[in-house]
């Protein structure tokens, strides 16, 4: 599965892993020992976030796409 949500990926020296945040989905984060693992884990967490939101009857934000400024 390939999501269309923005992902912010950064290295955490404190945790010794890559961290991925998905700002459009509150609280949606993942990590992994490599960049690829972290993004792969984020794809799984995004799907789980959406499934949970559906089960709870909460709205699911539409992906906004590319930021104009970073």
C-alpha atoms as a PDB file:
ATOM      1  CA  UNK A   1       0.000   0.000   0.000  1.00  0.00           C
ATOM      2  CA  UNK A   2       1.241   3.468  -0.862  1.00  0.00           C
ATOM      3  CA  UNK A   3      -0.344   6.311   1.072  1.00  0.00           C
ATOM      4  CA  UNK A   4      -0.558   9.863  -0.159  1.00  0.00           C
ATOM      5  CA  UNK A   5      -0.078  11.452   3.238  1.00  0.00           C
ATOM      6  CA  UNK A   6       2.904  13.671   3.921  1.00  0.00           C
ATOM      7  CA  UNK A   7       5.631  11.987   5.984  1.00  0.00           C
ATOM      8  CA  UNK A   8       8.364  13.771   7.878  1.00  0.00           C
ATOM      9  CA  UNK A   9      11.390  11.530   8.398  1.00  0.00           C
ATOM     10  CA  UNK A  10      14.285  12.338  10.706  1.00  0.00           C
ATOM     11  CA  UNK A  11      17.052  10.573  12.596  1.00  0.00           C
ATOM     12  CA  UNK A  12      16.792  10.306  16.382  1.00  0.00           C
ATOM     13  CA  UNK A  13      20.268   9.988  17.887  1.00  0.00           C
ATOM     14  CA  UNK A  14      18.696   9.478  21.319  1.00  0.00           C
ATOM     15  CA  UNK A  15      16.770   6.419  20.095  1.00  0.00           C
ATOM     16  CA  UNK A  16      19.201   5.383  17.340  1.00  0.00           C
ATOM     17  CA  UNK A  17      16.331   5.027  14.830  1.00  0.00           C
ATOM     18  CA  UNK A  18      14.632   6.951  12.046  1.00  0.00           C
ATOM     19  CA  UNK A  19      11.342   8.528  13.147  1.00  0.00           C
ATOM     20  CA  UNK A  20       8.423   9.146  10.784  1.00  0.00           C
ATOM     21  CA  UNK A  21       5.648  11.593  11.646  1.00  0.00           C
ATOM     22  CA  UNK A  22       2.421  11.890   9.641  1.00  0.00           C
ATOM     23  CA  UNK A  23       1.224  15.413  10.504  1.00  0.00           C
ATOM     24  CA  UNK A  24      -2.163  15.096   8.793  1.00  0.00           C
ATOM     25  CA  UNK A  25      -3.107  12.170  11.052  1.00  0.00           C
ATOM     26  CA  UNK A  26      -2.792  13.273  14.703  1.00  0.00           C
ATOM     27  CA  UNK A  27      -0.572  10.988  16.749  1.00  0.00           C
ATOM     28  CA  UNK A  28       0.431   8.885  13.745  1.00  0.00           C
ATOM     29  CA  UNK A  29       4.139   8.030  14.038  1.00  0.00           C
ATOM     30  CA  UNK A  30       6.484   5.126  13.459  1.00  0.00           C
ATOM     31  CA  UNK A  31      10.168   4.308  13.608  1.00  0.00           C
ATOM     32  CA  UNK A  32      12.717   1.911  12.204  1.00  0.00           C
ATOM     33  CA  UNK A  33      16.426   1.160  12.198  1.00  0.00           C
ATOM     34  CA  UNK A  34      16.722   2.254   8.557  1.00  0.00           C
ATOM     35  CA  UNK A  35      14.993   4.928   6.503  1.00  0.00           C
ATOM     36  CA  UNK A  36      13.229   2.281   4.406  1.00  0.00           C
ATOM     37  CA  UNK A  37      12.071   0.325   7.466  1.00  0.00           C
ATOM     38  CA  UNK A  38      10.728   3.480   9.102  1.00  0.00           C
ATOM     39  CA  UNK A  39       8.735   4.462   6.000  1.00  0.00           C
ATOM     40  CA  UNK A  40       7.473   0.887   5.545  1.00  0.00           C
ATOM     41  CA  UNK A  41       6.333   0.881   9.188  1.00  0.00           C
ATOM     42  CA  UNK A  42       4.658   4.262   8.665  1.00  0.00           C
ATOM     43  CA  UNK A  43       2.604   2.833   5.791  1.00  0.00           C
ATOM     44  CA  UNK A  44       1.321   0.111   8.142  1.00  0.00           C
ATOM     45  CA  UNK A  45       0.587   2.593  10.935  1.00  0.00           C
ATOM     46  CA  UNK A  46      -1.268   4.903   8.518  1.00  0.00           C
ATOM     47  CA  UNK A  47      -3.532   2.037   7.466  1.00  0.00           C
ATOM     48  CA  UNK A  48      -4.138   1.084  11.103  1.00  0.00           C
ATOM     49  CA  UNK A  49      -4.866   4.740  11.987  1.00  0.00           C
ATOM     50  CA  UNK A  50      -7.470   4.908   9.196  1.00  0.00           C
ATOM     51  CA  UNK A  51      -9.048   1.574  10.211  1.00  0.00           C
ATOM     52  CA  UNK A  52      -9.299   2.691  13.842  1.00  0.00           C
ATOM     53  CA  UNK A  53     -10.808   6.050  12.861  1.00  0.00           C
ATOM     54  CA  UNK A  54     -13.426   4.220  10.763  1.00  0.00           C
ATOM     55  CA  UNK A  55     -14.284   1.888  13.656  1.00  0.00           C
ATOM     56  CA  UNK A  56     -14.719   4.869  15.983  1.00  0.00           C
ATOM     57  CA  UNK A  57     -16.723   6.876  13.452  1.00  0.00           C
ATOM     58  CA  UNK A  58     -14.125   9.639  13.315  1.00  0.00           C
ATOM     59  CA  UNK A  59     -13.389  11.688  10.180  1.00  0.00           C
ATOM     60  CA  UNK A  60     -10.406  10.758   8.051  1.00  0.00           C
ATOM     61  CA  UNK A  61      -8.527  13.762   6.681  1.00  0.00           C
ATOM     62  CA  UNK A  62      -7.917  13.871   2.946  1.00  0.00           C
ATOM     63  CA  UNK A  63      -4.230  13.999   2.003  1.00  0.00           C
ATOM     64  CA  UNK A  64      -3.244  17.619   1.329  1.00  0.00           C
ATOM     65  CA  UNK A  65      -0.256  16.820  -0.824  1.00  0.00           C
ATOM     66  CA  UNK A  66       2.921  18.795  -1.044  1.00  0.00           C
ATOM     67  CA  UNK A  67       3.632  21.605   1.368  1.00  0.00           C
ATOM     68  CA  UNK A  68       4.229  25.015  -0.171  1.00  0.00           C
ATOM     69  CA  UNK A  69       6.841  25.846   2.469  1.00  0.00           C
ATOM     70  CA  UNK A  70       8.974  23.671   4.686  1.00  0.00           C
END
